[in-house]
Amino acid sequence: MNYPLIRLINKLNIKYVGILLLATISLTARLILFPEFGWQLQLTIFIISVISITIIWTMLEFIDSVLNRYMPYKQGVVRRIILQVCIGLVCMYIYISLLLFFLIDFFPFSIDKILQTLAYVIVTLLILAVNGGSVGAYFFQEWKKVIIKNERLQKERALVQFDNLKNQLNPHFLFNSLTSLNSLIFENQQLASDFLQQLSKVFRYVLQNKDKELVSLETELTFIENYVSLLQTRFHESLRILINIPPNDRSQQIVPVTLQILIENAIKHNIVNEQNPLTIHMFTADSYLHIKNNLQRKSIIETSNKLGLENMKTLYSFLSKNQVEILENELFFEVKIPLL
C-alpha cells in the first residue's frame, strides 16, 4: 500500500474541500447582496473565485515550503511568521491588482474603491487564515514529536531499569542456588545432579528470552516450574507455590521473567520458615494474572532498592491500557499483571 500517496490524496481532499467551501460561502453572500445578477454572471464569478483561491492557497503553500528550507521556525518563530505573512500579502496584493485590472471591464457594474477594498480585506483574511493553519499544523506536529519522543525515552528508561533489576536478581539467585547445591553434593549426589540440571534450564531461559519484549504465559510457566523446584529444594515446606491457570489463558503474553521477579520479591520481603510458611498463589481473572501471597514482612531487607515493582508498572504501562495493580492489606499482598 502506498502510504505517501494516501497522505497526498487526503491532503488534496482537505485543501480542495476548503477551497470549494470558501467559494460557496462567497457565492451565497453574493446571492444575498446582489440578487439582480444573473446566474451566468454568478457562475462565472464562482469559477473565477475557485481558480483565484486555488492560486492563492498554492502560492502560500509554496512560500511556506521555501521558508521551511531557508528559514525554519527553529531560527526564530516570530520573525518567520512575520516574514511569511508579509511575503504572502505582497504576492497576493499583486495578484488581486492584476486580476481586477484585467477583469474590470468584464463586470456589468463599476468596481469602486469600496469593492476593491473589500476584495483586499477578503484576501488578507484568507492569507491570515491559511498561514495561521500552517503555523498551527507545524506546532501541532512538533508537539506530537515531543510527546512521542518523551514516551520513547520513558519506555527505554523503563526497559533499562527492568533489565538492571533482572541482572541484580540473577546473581543473588545464583549465589543462593550454589549454596544449596554445595550442600546437596555431600548429602545426595543424584538430587544435586537434578538440581544442577534445573538450574541450567532456568538460566538458559533467562539468556534466551532476556532480549524479548513478550513471551507466552505457557512459556513463562514452564520456566517457573524449574525455578520453583530450585526454591523448594532450598526452602522445602516453608514455601508453597500454587498455580491455578486454565489452558485458555496460557496463550496470553507477559514480559519475560515477570513471575521470577515477583516470586523473588515475595521471598525477599517476607519471612519464610517452618513456623511461618509463605504461600504464593498464581491465578487468572478478568484479563489479569494475579500473584498473591500471605503477608509476613521482614523487619530488615538488605537487598531491596524499592524500585522493582515501580519499574514493572512503568514498563507494562507502555504495553497495555490496563495498569499493573498492587493490592495490600494486613493479611495479603497481591500484584495484578495485565495479560497482553
Protein backbone atom coordinates (compact mmCIF):
# COMPACT_ATOMS: atom_id res chain seq x y z
CA MET A 1 0.00 0.00 0.00
CA ASN A 2 1.36 3.40 -0.99
CA TYR A 3 1.06 5.38 2.22
CA PRO A 4 2.66 8.62 0.88
CA LEU A 5 0.10 8.60 -1.97
CA ILE A 6 -2.76 8.16 0.51
CA ARG A 7 -1.45 11.06 2.60
CA LEU A 8 -1.23 13.21 -0.55
CA ILE A 9 -4.82 12.34 -1.52
CA ASN A 10 -6.05 13.19 1.98
CA LYS A 11 -4.16 16.48 1.87
CA LEU A 12 -5.63 17.35 -1.53
CA ASN A 13 -9.13 16.48 -0.34
CA ILE A 14 -8.83 18.79 2.66
CA LYS A 15 -7.37 21.55 0.50
CA TYR A 16 -9.98 21.47 -2.24
CA VAL A 17 -12.89 20.96 0.12
CA GLY A 18 -11.72 24.13 1.88
CA ILE A 19 -11.47 25.98 -1.45
CA LEU A 20 -14.96 24.91 -2.55
CA LEU A 21 -16.33 25.84 0.86
CA LEU A 22 -14.86 29.35 0.68
CA ALA A 23 -16.11 29.82 -2.89
CA THR A 24 -19.57 28.57 -1.91
CA ILE A 25 -19.72 30.97 1.05
CA SER A 26 -18.74 33.79 -1.33
CA LEU A 27 -21.45 32.72 -3.80
CA THR A 28 -24.07 32.63 -1.04
CA ALA A 29 -23.09 36.13 0.08
CA ARG A 30 -23.39 37.45 -3.49
CA LEU A 31 -26.80 35.85 -3.98
CA ILE A 32 -27.99 37.62 -0.85
CA LEU A 33 -26.34 41.00 -1.53
CA PHE A 34 -26.70 41.09 -5.33
CA PRO A 35 -29.82 39.11 -6.29
CA GLU A 36 -30.09 41.11 -9.51
CA PHE A 37 -27.04 39.35 -11.01
CA GLY A 38 -27.92 36.63 -13.50
CA TRP A 39 -26.95 33.01 -12.94
CA GLN A 40 -24.39 33.16 -15.76
CA LEU A 41 -22.53 36.00 -14.06
CA GLN A 42 -22.77 34.31 -10.67
CA LEU A 43 -21.41 31.05 -12.11
CA THR A 44 -18.57 32.91 -13.85
CA ILE A 45 -17.62 34.71 -10.64
CA PHE A 46 -17.81 31.40 -8.76
CA ILE A 47 -15.39 29.78 -11.21
CA ILE A 48 -13.05 32.78 -11.00
CA SER A 49 -13.24 32.58 -7.18
CA VAL A 50 -12.33 28.87 -7.18
CA ILE A 51 -9.37 29.48 -9.50
CA SER A 52 -8.20 32.52 -7.53
CA ILE A 53 -8.46 30.84 -4.13
CA THR A 54 -6.60 27.79 -5.53
CA ILE A 55 -3.80 30.04 -6.86
CA ILE A 56 -3.60 31.98 -3.60
CA TRP A 57 -3.59 28.80 -1.48
CA THR A 58 -0.97 27.13 -3.68
CA MET A 59 1.21 30.25 -3.65
CA LEU A 60 1.04 30.41 0.15
CA GLU A 61 1.99 26.71 0.41
CA PHE A 62 4.93 27.34 -1.92
CA ILE A 63 6.09 30.29 0.20
CA ASP A 64 5.75 28.13 3.32
CA SER A 65 7.81 25.29 1.79
CA VAL A 66 10.56 27.69 0.63
CA LEU A 67 10.78 29.33 4.05
CA ASN A 68 10.85 25.90 5.72
CA ARG A 69 14.02 25.23 3.78
CA TYR A 70 15.79 28.59 4.15
CA MET A 71 14.30 29.99 7.37
CA PRO A 72 12.82 27.21 9.53
CA TYR A 73 10.85 28.04 12.66
CA LYS A 74 13.80 26.95 14.79
CA GLN A 75 15.70 30.07 13.69
CA GLY A 76 13.04 32.34 15.15
CA VAL A 77 9.31 31.77 15.31
CA VAL A 78 8.16 35.41 15.39
CA ARG A 79 10.49 36.51 12.59
CA ARG A 80 9.44 33.57 10.44
CA ILE A 81 5.72 34.22 10.89
CA ILE A 82 6.05 37.96 10.16
CA LEU A 83 8.15 37.32 7.04
CA GLN A 84 5.80 34.61 5.78
CA VAL A 85 2.71 36.81 6.22
CA CYS A 86 4.38 39.86 4.63
CA ILE A 87 5.58 37.91 1.57
CA GLY A 88 2.14 36.34 1.22
CA LEU A 89 0.40 39.73 1.43
CA VAL A 90 2.68 41.33 -1.17
CA CYS A 91 2.28 38.44 -3.64
CA MET A 92 -1.47 38.25 -3.21
CA TYR A 93 -1.99 42.03 -3.45
CA ILE A 94 -0.10 41.98 -6.74
CA TYR A 95 -2.25 39.09 -7.95
CA ILE A 96 -5.54 40.77 -6.94
CA SER A 97 -4.46 44.07 -8.50
CA LEU A 98 -3.73 42.31 -11.82
CA LEU A 99 -6.97 40.35 -11.60
CA LEU A 100 -9.04 43.48 -11.04
CA PHE A 101 -7.21 45.30 -13.81
CA PHE A 102 -7.94 42.64 -16.45
CA LEU A 103 -11.50 41.91 -15.31
CA ILE A 104 -12.69 45.42 -14.59
CA ASP A 105 -14.48 45.65 -17.95
CA PHE A 106 -15.99 42.17 -17.59
CA PHE A 107 -18.43 43.08 -14.85
CA PRO A 108 -21.68 44.90 -15.73
CA PHE A 109 -21.11 47.31 -12.86
CA SER A 110 -18.34 49.61 -11.82
CA ILE A 111 -15.83 48.33 -9.28
CA ASP A 112 -15.48 51.28 -6.97
CA LYS A 113 -12.98 51.79 -4.16
CA ILE A 114 -15.26 50.10 -1.63
CA LEU A 115 -15.44 46.86 -3.62
CA GLN A 116 -11.70 46.94 -4.28
CA THR A 117 -11.04 47.47 -0.57
CA LEU A 118 -13.41 44.60 0.25
CA ALA A 119 -11.52 42.32 -2.15
CA TYR A 120 -8.21 43.19 -0.45
CA VAL A 121 -9.73 42.65 3.00
CA ILE A 122 -11.07 39.21 1.99
CA VAL A 123 -7.67 38.23 0.56
CA THR A 124 -5.94 39.46 3.72
CA LEU A 125 -8.24 37.37 5.91
CA LEU A 126 -7.65 34.37 3.64
CA ILE A 127 -3.88 34.80 3.88
CA LEU A 128 -4.00 35.12 7.65
CA ALA A 129 -6.26 32.05 7.92
CA VAL A 130 -4.09 29.86 5.68
CA ASN A 131 -0.86 30.99 7.37
CA GLY A 132 -2.46 30.52 10.77
CA GLY A 133 -3.41 26.98 9.79
CA SER A 134 0.12 26.34 8.52
CA VAL A 135 1.72 27.61 11.73
CA GLY A 136 -0.79 25.70 13.85
CA ALA A 137 -0.12 22.48 11.91
CA TYR A 138 3.64 22.94 12.39
CA PHE A 139 3.39 23.40 16.14
CA PHE A 140 0.91 20.50 16.41
CA GLN A 141 3.37 18.20 14.61
CA GLU A 142 6.22 19.41 16.82
CA TRP A 143 4.08 18.81 19.90
CA LYS A 144 3.34 15.24 18.72
CA LYS A 145 7.05 14.65 18.09
CA VAL A 146 7.88 15.79 21.63
CA ILE A 147 5.17 13.55 23.11
CA ILE A 148 6.34 10.53 21.10
CA LYS A 149 9.98 11.22 21.95
CA ASN A 150 9.21 11.53 25.66
CA GLU A 151 7.20 8.30 25.63
CA ARG A 152 10.01 6.50 23.81
CA LEU A 153 12.59 7.79 26.28
CA GLN A 154 10.43 6.76 29.22
CA LYS A 155 9.92 3.30 27.75
CA GLU A 156 13.64 2.91 27.07
CA ARG A 157 14.40 4.02 30.61
CA ALA A 158 11.83 1.55 31.98
CA LEU A 159 13.36 -1.26 29.91
CA VAL A 160 16.86 -0.39 31.13
CA GLN A 161 15.68 -0.27 34.73
CA PHE A 162 13.83 -3.56 34.34
CA ASP A 163 16.89 -5.20 32.77
CA ASN A 164 19.01 -3.86 35.61
CA LEU A 165 16.56 -5.40 38.05
CA LYS A 166 16.81 -8.78 36.34
CA ASN A 167 20.59 -8.56 36.35
CA GLN A 168 20.55 -7.75 40.05
CA LEU A 169 18.29 -10.70 40.86
CA ASN A 170 20.14 -13.28 38.83
CA PRO A 171 23.49 -13.11 40.73
CA HIS A 172 21.60 -13.05 44.03
CA PHE A 173 19.56 -16.07 43.00
CA LEU A 174 22.69 -17.80 41.65
CA PHE A 175 24.51 -17.31 44.95
CA ASN A 176 21.66 -18.90 46.92
CA SER A 177 21.35 -21.74 44.41
CA LEU A 178 25.07 -22.54 44.50
CA THR A 179 24.95 -22.57 48.27
CA SER A 180 22.11 -25.10 48.17
CA LEU A 181 23.92 -27.13 45.52
CA ASN A 182 27.05 -27.27 47.65
CA SER A 183 25.06 -28.81 50.49
CA LEU A 184 23.36 -31.32 48.21
CA ILE A 185 26.63 -32.58 46.73
CA PHE A 186 27.59 -34.14 50.07
CA GLU A 187 24.07 -35.24 51.04
CA ASN A 188 22.56 -36.61 47.82
CA GLN A 189 24.55 -36.61 44.58
CA GLN A 190 21.55 -37.62 42.42
CA LEU A 191 19.48 -34.79 43.85
CA ALA A 192 22.41 -32.44 43.32
CA SER A 193 22.59 -33.52 39.68
CA ASP A 194 18.84 -32.91 39.21
CA PHE A 195 19.21 -29.56 40.94
CA LEU A 196 22.05 -28.56 38.60
CA GLN A 197 20.01 -29.52 35.52
CA GLN A 198 17.09 -27.41 36.70
CA LEU A 199 19.44 -24.54 37.43
CA SER A 200 20.85 -24.72 33.90
CA LYS A 201 17.31 -24.68 32.46
CA VAL A 202 16.48 -21.58 34.47
CA PHE A 203 19.47 -19.63 33.25
CA ARG A 204 19.06 -20.92 29.70
CA TYR A 205 15.54 -19.47 29.72
CA VAL A 206 16.81 -16.12 31.01
CA LEU A 207 19.53 -15.97 28.34
CA GLN A 208 17.15 -16.99 25.54
CA ASN A 209 14.41 -14.52 26.46
CA LYS A 210 16.19 -11.59 28.07
CA ASP A 211 16.02 -9.55 24.84
CA LYS A 212 12.39 -10.44 24.04
CA GLU A 213 9.68 -7.97 24.86
CA LEU A 214 6.99 -10.62 25.40
CA VAL A 215 6.62 -14.38 25.86
CA SER A 216 3.54 -16.57 26.21
CA LEU A 217 2.29 -17.29 29.70
CA GLU A 218 2.68 -21.00 28.92
CA THR A 219 6.40 -20.48 28.22
CA GLU A 220 6.83 -18.48 31.40
CA LEU A 221 5.05 -21.12 33.49
CA THR A 222 7.25 -23.89 32.09
CA PHE A 223 10.26 -21.87 33.18
CA ILE A 224 8.72 -21.20 36.59
CA GLU A 225 8.29 -24.92 37.24
CA ASN A 226 12.08 -25.36 37.16
CA TYR A 227 12.56 -22.21 39.16
CA VAL A 228 10.07 -23.31 41.81
CA SER A 229 11.78 -26.72 42.08
CA LEU A 230 15.04 -24.97 42.92
CA LEU A 231 13.33 -22.80 45.52
CA GLN A 232 11.63 -25.75 47.19
CA THR A 233 14.95 -27.57 47.37
CA ARG A 234 16.14 -24.61 49.36
CA PHE A 235 13.01 -23.84 51.45
CA HIS A 236 11.25 -27.26 51.49
CA GLU A 237 7.76 -27.00 53.03
CA SER A 238 8.36 -23.42 54.12
CA LEU A 239 7.47 -22.24 50.63
CA ARG A 240 4.26 -23.20 48.86
CA ILE A 241 3.52 -22.05 45.34
CA LEU A 242 0.06 -22.77 43.94
CA ILE A 243 -0.59 -22.31 40.21
CA ASN A 244 -4.20 -22.28 39.04
CA ILE A 245 -4.24 -21.01 35.45
CA PRO A 246 -6.63 -22.56 32.89
CA PRO A 247 -5.29 -23.63 29.47
CA ASN A 248 -7.24 -20.96 27.54
CA ASP A 249 -5.35 -18.19 29.41
CA ARG A 250 -1.90 -19.66 28.86
CA SER A 251 -1.70 -18.35 25.29
CA GLN A 252 -1.73 -14.78 26.62
CA GLN A 253 1.58 -12.94 26.89
CA ILE A 254 3.62 -11.24 29.59
CA VAL A 255 7.08 -9.72 29.89
CA PRO A 256 9.68 -12.50 30.33
CA VAL A 257 10.92 -13.23 33.87
CA THR A 258 7.96 -11.32 35.37
CA LEU A 259 6.98 -14.30 37.53
CA GLN A 260 10.52 -14.92 38.73
CA ILE A 261 10.86 -11.32 39.80
CA LEU A 262 7.52 -11.34 41.66
CA ILE A 263 8.28 -14.64 43.42
CA GLU A 264 11.76 -13.45 44.35
CA ASN A 265 10.21 -10.17 45.54
CA ALA A 266 7.78 -12.05 47.79
CA ILE A 267 10.56 -14.18 49.25
CA LYS A 268 12.80 -11.17 49.71
CA HIS A 269 10.23 -9.16 51.67
CA ASN A 270 8.58 -11.89 53.75
CA ILE A 271 9.62 -14.30 56.47
CA VAL A 272 9.93 -17.86 55.12
CA ASN A 273 10.39 -20.63 57.68
CA GLU A 274 8.66 -23.73 59.06
CA GLN A 275 6.78 -21.71 61.65
CA ASN A 276 5.74 -19.09 59.10
CA PRO A 277 5.41 -20.75 55.66
CA LEU A 278 4.98 -18.43 52.71
CA THR A 279 2.21 -19.31 50.24
CA ILE A 280 2.22 -17.74 46.79
CA HIS A 281 -0.92 -18.25 44.71
CA MET A 282 -1.00 -17.57 40.95
CA PHE A 283 -4.32 -17.42 39.10
CA THR A 284 -6.02 -15.51 36.27
CA ALA A 285 -9.18 -13.40 36.36
CA ASP A 286 -10.58 -10.53 34.29
CA SER A 287 -7.62 -10.46 31.84
CA TYR A 288 -5.15 -10.22 34.72
CA LEU A 289 -2.56 -12.57 36.15
CA HIS A 290 -2.78 -12.44 39.94
CA ILE A 291 0.22 -13.21 42.17
CA LYS A 292 -0.93 -13.23 45.77
CA ASN A 293 0.93 -14.13 48.97
CA ASN A 294 0.24 -14.08 52.67
CA LEU A 295 1.88 -11.05 54.26
CA GLN A 296 4.54 -11.59 56.94
CA ARG A 297 7.04 -8.83 56.33
CA LYS A 298 10.68 -8.94 57.35
CA SER A 299 11.83 -6.12 59.56
CA ILE A 300 15.11 -5.70 57.63
CA ILE A 301 15.55 -6.19 53.86
CA GLU A 302 19.18 -5.79 52.89
CA THR A 303 19.00 -6.09 49.08
CA SER A 304 15.82 -4.11 48.33
CA ASN A 305 16.08 -0.92 46.25
CA LYS A 306 12.25 -0.45 46.34
CA LEU A 307 12.17 0.19 42.57
CA GLY A 308 11.35 -3.27 41.19
CA LEU A 309 7.56 -3.03 41.17
CA GLU A 310 7.60 0.61 40.10
CA ASN A 311 9.80 -0.24 37.10
CA MET A 312 7.48 -3.11 36.24
CA LYS A 313 4.44 -0.81 36.42
CA THR A 314 6.12 1.71 34.14
CA LEU A 315 7.09 -0.94 31.60
CA TYR A 316 3.63 -2.50 31.45
CA SER A 317 2.05 0.94 31.05
CA PHE A 318 3.67 1.10 27.59
CA LEU A 319 2.43 -2.36 26.64
CA SER A 320 -1.18 -2.34 27.82
CA LYS A 321 -4.06 0.01 28.52
CA ASN A 322 -4.55 -1.89 31.76
CA GLN A 323 -2.16 -0.96 34.52
CA VAL A 324 -0.24 -3.14 36.95
CA GLU A 325 -2.20 -3.05 40.22
CA ILE A 326 -0.80 -3.59 43.70
CA LEU A 327 -3.21 -4.52 46.49
CA GLU A 328 -2.23 -4.84 50.12
CA ASN A 329 -3.92 -5.31 53.47
CA GLU A 330 -2.90 -6.72 56.85
CA LEU A 331 -3.09 -10.31 55.62
CA PHE A 332 -2.22 -10.38 51.92
CA PHE A 333 -0.06 -8.73 49.28
CA GLU A 334 -1.20 -9.04 45.66
CA VAL A 335 0.15 -7.92 42.29
CA LYS A 336 -2.13 -7.94 39.23
CA ILE A 337 -0.31 -8.14 35.89
CA PRO A 338 -2.31 -7.35 32.72
CA LEU A 339 -2.28 -10.19 30.20
CA LEU A 340 -1.24 -8.98 26.77
